[in-house]
């Protein structure tokens, strides 16, 4: 009976140890990216492998920018919908054209301003490196670029007084508060 008890205890200990080995080493990054998204910041976690650290970092940035592009498109689309719902007297086709031009401008310019949140997590695995990083776009950069792109259009004044504009400003403040609260955590 004593031997059975010892075997059960050893199995429990070994299974507990092995479950920690199978845990995703990058899971914390996914939690942080989720927090950033809730604050209104486009953010994605990207994972990659490469033979050298510098190549890995470049690869992570490239993958991140591509992933951020679709999130930015969704964000601009959401802003457009909110603006159209609020400004019902404007011509929908003109607003669509304006937002399309704004989206193109942002995707061409702002994605280059996206960056890795804090620093990538890199693990050496044999003869190569595996890594993950959070790529994000600071809401201040997005807002500034969005407003600059809207500035030349006749809808600009209405945009500045819209609820969607005010929501962007709130997101910017929430992001600043989050960064200040978590400074040095990552």
C-alpha atoms as a PDB file:
ATOM      1  CA  UNK A   1       0.000   0.000   0.000  1.00  0.00           C
ATOM      2  CA  UNK A   2       2.860   2.311   0.847  1.00  0.00           C
ATOM      3  CA  UNK A   3       4.448   1.675  -2.570  1.00  0.00           C
ATOM      4  CA  UNK A   4       1.208   2.554  -4.372  1.00  0.00           C
ATOM      5  CA  UNK A   5       1.003   5.832  -2.444  1.00  0.00           C
ATOM      6  CA  UNK A   6       4.613   6.714  -3.344  1.00  0.00           C
ATOM      7  CA  UNK A   7       3.999   5.909  -7.031  1.00  0.00           C
ATOM      8  CA  UNK A   8       0.870   8.118  -7.063  1.00  0.00           C
ATOM      9  CA  UNK A   9       2.792  11.009  -5.453  1.00  0.00           C
ATOM     10  CA  UNK A  10       5.684  10.671  -7.957  1.00  0.00           C
ATOM     11  CA  UNK A  11       3.242  10.627 -10.893  1.00  0.00           C
ATOM     12  CA  UNK A  12       1.492  13.722  -9.567  1.00  0.00           C
ATOM     13  CA  UNK A  13       4.798  15.550  -9.165  1.00  0.00           C
ATOM     14  CA  UNK A  14       6.005  14.584 -12.640  1.00  0.00           C
ATOM     15  CA  UNK A  15       2.734  15.539 -14.298  1.00  0.00           C
ATOM     16  CA  UNK A  16       2.797  18.887 -12.501  1.00  0.00           C
ATOM     17  CA  UNK A  17       6.331  19.567 -13.728  1.00  0.00           C
ATOM     18  CA  UNK A  18       5.596  18.554 -17.289  1.00  0.00           C
ATOM     19  CA  UNK A  19       2.538  20.792 -17.540  1.00  0.00           C
ATOM     20  CA  UNK A  20       4.721  23.836 -16.874  1.00  0.00           C
ATOM     21  CA  UNK A  21       7.057  22.841 -19.712  1.00  0.00           C
ATOM     22  CA  UNK A  22       4.175  22.775 -22.183  1.00  0.00           C
ATOM     23  CA  UNK A  23       2.966  26.258 -21.245  1.00  0.00           C
ATOM     24  CA  UNK A  24       3.410  28.843 -23.999  1.00  0.00           C
ATOM     25  CA  UNK A  25       6.422  30.991 -23.037  1.00  0.00           C
ATOM     26  CA  UNK A  26       4.818  33.936 -24.835  1.00  0.00           C
ATOM     27  CA  UNK A  27       1.379  33.757 -23.170  1.00  0.00           C
ATOM     28  CA  UNK A  28       1.970  36.936 -21.156  1.00  0.00           C
ATOM     29  CA  UNK A  29       2.440  38.853 -24.410  1.00  0.00           C
ATOM     30  CA  UNK A  30      -1.023  37.831 -25.562  1.00  0.00           C
ATOM     31  CA  UNK A  31      -2.488  39.154 -22.299  1.00  0.00           C
ATOM     32  CA  UNK A  32      -0.724  42.514 -22.704  1.00  0.00           C
ATOM     33  CA  UNK A  33      -1.787  42.784 -26.367  1.00  0.00           C
ATOM     34  CA  UNK A  34      -5.370  42.161 -25.258  1.00  0.00           C
ATOM     35  CA  UNK A  35      -5.058  44.966 -22.711  1.00  0.00           C
ATOM     36  CA  UNK A  36      -3.711  47.326 -25.373  1.00  0.00           C
ATOM     37  CA  UNK A  37      -6.545  46.453 -27.741  1.00  0.00           C
ATOM     38  CA  UNK A  38      -9.112  47.143 -25.023  1.00  0.00           C
ATOM     39  CA  UNK A  39      -7.543  50.587 -24.642  1.00  0.00           C
ATOM     40  CA  UNK A  40      -8.066  51.252 -28.352  1.00  0.00           C
ATOM     41  CA  UNK A  41      -4.505  50.681 -29.502  1.00  0.00           C
ATOM     42  CA  UNK A  42      -4.112  48.390 -32.490  1.00  0.00           C
ATOM     43  CA  UNK A  43      -1.859  45.606 -31.167  1.00  0.00           C
ATOM     44  CA  UNK A  44      -0.875  42.099 -32.274  1.00  0.00           C
ATOM     45  CA  UNK A  45       1.449  39.389 -31.065  1.00  0.00           C
ATOM     46  CA  UNK A  46       3.685  37.926 -33.725  1.00  0.00           C
ATOM     47  CA  UNK A  47       5.940  34.894 -33.436  1.00  0.00           C
ATOM     48  CA  UNK A  48       8.829  33.909 -35.677  1.00  0.00           C
ATOM     49  CA  UNK A  49      12.039  31.918 -35.915  1.00  0.00           C
ATOM     50  CA  UNK A  50      15.353  32.870 -37.464  1.00  0.00           C
ATOM     51  CA  UNK A  51      19.000  31.796 -37.419  1.00  0.00           C
ATOM     52  CA  UNK A  52      20.146  35.144 -35.957  1.00  0.00           C
ATOM     53  CA  UNK A  53      18.691  37.619 -33.440  1.00  0.00           C
ATOM     54  CA  UNK A  54      18.833  40.623 -35.785  1.00  0.00           C
ATOM     55  CA  UNK A  55      17.017  38.722 -38.536  1.00  0.00           C
ATOM     56  CA  UNK A  56      14.422  37.588 -36.000  1.00  0.00           C
ATOM     57  CA  UNK A  57      13.747  41.156 -34.888  1.00  0.00           C
ATOM     58  CA  UNK A  58      13.318  42.336 -38.503  1.00  0.00           C
ATOM     59  CA  UNK A  59      11.026  39.402 -39.192  1.00  0.00           C
ATOM     60  CA  UNK A  60       8.904  40.182 -36.127  1.00  0.00           C
ATOM     61  CA  UNK A  61       8.547  43.828 -37.189  1.00  0.00           C
ATOM     62  CA  UNK A  62       7.534  42.890 -40.743  1.00  0.00           C
ATOM     63  CA  UNK A  63       4.963  40.347 -39.609  1.00  0.00           C
ATOM     64  CA  UNK A  64       3.637  42.782 -37.029  1.00  0.00           C
ATOM     65  CA  UNK A  65       3.158  45.592 -39.524  1.00  0.00           C
ATOM     66  CA  UNK A  66       1.257  43.291 -41.854  1.00  0.00           C
ATOM     67  CA  UNK A  67      -1.011  42.161 -39.018  1.00  0.00           C
ATOM     68  CA  UNK A  68      -1.549  45.713 -37.774  1.00  0.00           C
ATOM     69  CA  UNK A  69      -2.707  46.748 -41.221  1.00  0.00           C
ATOM     70  CA  UNK A  70      -5.913  44.734 -40.942  1.00  0.00           C
ATOM     71  CA  UNK A  71      -6.594  46.050 -37.429  1.00  0.00           C
ATOM     72  CA  UNK A  72      -6.125  49.627 -38.622  1.00  0.00           C
ATOM     73  CA  UNK A  73      -8.521  49.036 -41.486  1.00  0.00           C
ATOM     74  CA  UNK A  74     -11.140  47.742 -39.033  1.00  0.00           C
ATOM     75  CA  UNK A  75     -10.576  50.743 -36.739  1.00  0.00           C
ATOM     76  CA  UNK A  76     -10.981  53.260 -39.582  1.00  0.00           C
ATOM     77  CA  UNK A  77     -14.092  51.418 -40.744  1.00  0.00           C
ATOM     78  CA  UNK A  78     -15.570  51.606 -37.232  1.00  0.00           C
ATOM     79  CA  UNK A  79     -14.816  55.336 -37.031  1.00  0.00           C
ATOM     80  CA  UNK A  80     -16.395  55.848 -40.436  1.00  0.00           C
ATOM     81  CA  UNK A  81     -19.560  54.016 -39.419  1.00  0.00           C
ATOM     82  CA  UNK A  82     -19.856  56.045 -36.210  1.00  0.00           C
ATOM     83  CA  UNK A  83     -19.306  59.285 -38.100  1.00  0.00           C
ATOM     84  CA  UNK A  84     -21.889  58.432 -40.789  1.00  0.00           C
ATOM     85  CA  UNK A  85     -24.430  57.448 -38.121  1.00  0.00           C
ATOM     86  CA  UNK A  86     -23.920  60.785 -36.390  1.00  0.00           C
ATOM     87  CA  UNK A  87     -23.670  63.039 -39.457  1.00  0.00           C
ATOM     88  CA  UNK A  88     -26.709  61.822 -41.343  1.00  0.00           C
ATOM     89  CA  UNK A  89     -26.966  64.957 -43.484  1.00  0.00           C
ATOM     90  CA  UNK A  90     -23.639  64.331 -45.258  1.00  0.00           C
ATOM     91  CA  UNK A  91     -23.387  62.545 -48.608  1.00  0.00           C
ATOM     92  CA  UNK A  92     -22.426  58.945 -47.842  1.00  0.00           C
ATOM     93  CA  UNK A  93     -20.378  58.487 -51.005  1.00  0.00           C
ATOM     94  CA  UNK A  94     -18.269  61.575 -50.246  1.00  0.00           C
ATOM     95  CA  UNK A  95     -17.692  60.397 -46.680  1.00  0.00           C
ATOM     96  CA  UNK A  96     -16.739  56.946 -47.974  1.00  0.00           C
ATOM     97  CA  UNK A  97     -14.239  58.497 -50.383  1.00  0.00           C
ATOM     98  CA  UNK A  98     -12.791  60.697 -47.642  1.00  0.00           C
ATOM     99  CA  UNK A  99     -12.326  57.789 -45.247  1.00  0.00           C
ATOM    100  CA  UNK A 100     -10.814  55.661 -48.027  1.00  0.00           C
ATOM    101  CA  UNK A 101      -8.230  58.368 -48.692  1.00  0.00           C
ATOM    102  CA  UNK A 102      -7.553  58.706 -44.969  1.00  0.00           C
ATOM    103  CA  UNK A 103      -7.120  54.934 -44.657  1.00  0.00           C
ATOM    104  CA  UNK A 104      -4.637  54.854 -47.549  1.00  0.00           C
ATOM    105  CA  UNK A 105      -2.656  57.700 -46.051  1.00  0.00           C
ATOM    106  CA  UNK A 106      -2.549  56.077 -42.631  1.00  0.00           C
ATOM    107  CA  UNK A 107      -1.611  52.650 -43.946  1.00  0.00           C
ATOM    108  CA  UNK A 108       1.217  54.105 -46.030  1.00  0.00           C
ATOM    109  CA  UNK A 109       2.655  56.379 -43.353  1.00  0.00           C
ATOM    110  CA  UNK A 110       1.621  55.240 -39.902  1.00  0.00           C
ATOM    111  CA  UNK A 111       2.492  51.569 -40.175  1.00  0.00           C
ATOM    112  CA  UNK A 112       6.098  52.655 -40.478  1.00  0.00           C
ATOM    113  CA  UNK A 113       5.594  54.324 -37.081  1.00  0.00           C
ATOM    114  CA  UNK A 114       4.423  51.140 -35.415  1.00  0.00           C
ATOM    115  CA  UNK A 115       6.859  49.638 -32.994  1.00  0.00           C
ATOM    116  CA  UNK A 116       7.532  46.711 -30.743  1.00  0.00           C
ATOM    117  CA  UNK A 117       5.937  47.218 -27.347  1.00  0.00           C
ATOM    118  CA  UNK A 118       8.817  47.233 -24.883  1.00  0.00           C
ATOM    119  CA  UNK A 119      11.117  44.489 -26.229  1.00  0.00           C
ATOM    120  CA  UNK A 120      10.691  41.123 -27.936  1.00  0.00           C
ATOM    121  CA  UNK A 121      10.938  37.867 -26.003  1.00  0.00           C
ATOM    122  CA  UNK A 122      13.676  35.797 -27.619  1.00  0.00           C
ATOM    123  CA  UNK A 123      14.613  32.216 -26.810  1.00  0.00           C
ATOM    124  CA  UNK A 124      17.669  30.399 -28.185  1.00  0.00           C
ATOM    125  CA  UNK A 125      16.656  26.923 -29.331  1.00  0.00           C
ATOM    126  CA  UNK A 126      19.600  24.935 -30.599  1.00  0.00           C
ATOM    127  CA  UNK A 127      21.014  26.652 -33.675  1.00  0.00           C
ATOM    128  CA  UNK A 128      18.175  29.144 -34.133  1.00  0.00           C
ATOM    129  CA  UNK A 129      16.186  31.739 -32.223  1.00  0.00           C
ATOM    130  CA  UNK A 130      12.466  31.805 -31.562  1.00  0.00           C
ATOM    131  CA  UNK A 131      10.782  34.979 -30.531  1.00  0.00           C
ATOM    132  CA  UNK A 132       7.575  36.855 -30.079  1.00  0.00           C
ATOM    133  CA  UNK A 133       6.755  40.506 -29.788  1.00  0.00           C
ATOM    134  CA  UNK A 134       3.819  42.807 -29.413  1.00  0.00           C
ATOM    135  CA  UNK A 135       3.565  45.220 -32.291  1.00  0.00           C
ATOM    136  CA  UNK A 136       1.381  48.198 -31.525  1.00  0.00           C
ATOM    137  CA  UNK A 137       0.520  51.626 -32.727  1.00  0.00           C
ATOM    138  CA  UNK A 138       0.470  54.372 -30.145  1.00  0.00           C
ATOM    139  CA  UNK A 139      -2.995  55.985 -30.205  1.00  0.00           C
ATOM    140  CA  UNK A 140      -1.409  59.459 -30.254  1.00  0.00           C
ATOM    141  CA  UNK A 141       0.352  58.642 -33.518  1.00  0.00           C
ATOM    142  CA  UNK A 142      -2.807  57.141 -35.008  1.00  0.00           C
ATOM    143  CA  UNK A 143      -4.964  60.085 -33.906  1.00  0.00           C
ATOM    144  CA  UNK A 144      -2.516  62.690 -35.178  1.00  0.00           C
ATOM    145  CA  UNK A 145      -2.178  60.972 -38.536  1.00  0.00           C
ATOM    146  CA  UNK A 146      -5.924  60.458 -38.819  1.00  0.00           C
ATOM    147  CA  UNK A 147      -6.665  64.098 -38.040  1.00  0.00           C
ATOM    148  CA  UNK A 148      -3.930  65.327 -40.368  1.00  0.00           C
ATOM    149  CA  UNK A 149      -5.367  63.196 -43.166  1.00  0.00           C
ATOM    150  CA  UNK A 150      -8.898  64.473 -42.512  1.00  0.00           C
ATOM    151  CA  UNK A 151      -7.764  68.102 -42.360  1.00  0.00           C
ATOM    152  CA  UNK A 152      -7.945  68.807 -46.085  1.00  0.00           C
ATOM    153  CA  UNK A 153     -11.496  67.483 -46.460  1.00  0.00           C
ATOM    154  CA  UNK A 154     -14.738  69.411 -46.041  1.00  0.00           C
ATOM    155  CA  UNK A 155     -15.924  66.925 -43.392  1.00  0.00           C
ATOM    156  CA  UNK A 156     -13.040  67.917 -41.084  1.00  0.00           C
ATOM    157  CA  UNK A 157     -14.993  70.426 -38.985  1.00  0.00           C
ATOM    158  CA  UNK A 158     -17.819  67.947 -38.451  1.00  0.00           C
ATOM    159  CA  UNK A 159     -15.273  65.258 -37.645  1.00  0.00           C
ATOM    160  CA  UNK A 160     -13.678  67.386 -34.890  1.00  0.00           C
ATOM    161  CA  UNK A 161     -17.073  67.817 -33.206  1.00  0.00           C
ATOM    162  CA  UNK A 162     -18.148  64.168 -33.555  1.00  0.00           C
ATOM    163  CA  UNK A 163     -18.396  61.562 -30.814  1.00  0.00           C
ATOM    164  CA  UNK A 164     -15.955  59.356 -32.764  1.00  0.00           C
ATOM    165  CA  UNK A 165     -13.298  62.081 -32.474  1.00  0.00           C
ATOM    166  CA  UNK A 166     -13.943  62.411 -28.742  1.00  0.00           C
ATOM    167  CA  UNK A 167     -13.670  58.632 -28.364  1.00  0.00           C
ATOM    168  CA  UNK A 168     -10.220  58.692 -29.996  1.00  0.00           C
ATOM    169  CA  UNK A 169      -9.092  61.309 -27.493  1.00  0.00           C
ATOM    170  CA  UNK A 170     -10.372  59.157 -24.608  1.00  0.00           C
ATOM    171  CA  UNK A 171      -8.474  56.141 -25.981  1.00  0.00           C
ATOM    172  CA  UNK A 172      -5.327  58.233 -26.115  1.00  0.00           C
ATOM    173  CA  UNK A 173      -5.691  59.223 -22.449  1.00  0.00           C
ATOM    174  CA  UNK A 174      -6.475  55.655 -21.340  1.00  0.00           C
ATOM    175  CA  UNK A 175      -3.374  54.439 -23.167  1.00  0.00           C
ATOM    176  CA  UNK A 176      -1.173  57.066 -21.487  1.00  0.00           C
ATOM    177  CA  UNK A 177      -2.579  56.085 -18.079  1.00  0.00           C
ATOM    178  CA  UNK A 178      -1.955  52.387 -18.790  1.00  0.00           C
ATOM    179  CA  UNK A 179       1.652  53.002 -19.863  1.00  0.00           C
ATOM    180  CA  UNK A 180       2.321  55.121 -16.781  1.00  0.00           C
ATOM    181  CA  UNK A 181       0.760  52.544 -14.462  1.00  0.00           C
ATOM    182  CA  UNK A 182       2.750  49.666 -15.979  1.00  0.00           C
ATOM    183  CA  UNK A 183       6.053  51.465 -16.570  1.00  0.00           C
ATOM    184  CA  UNK A 184       8.953  49.062 -16.099  1.00  0.00           C
ATOM    185  CA  UNK A 185       6.685  46.010 -15.875  1.00  0.00           C
ATOM    186  CA  UNK A 186       7.805  44.576 -19.211  1.00  0.00           C
END
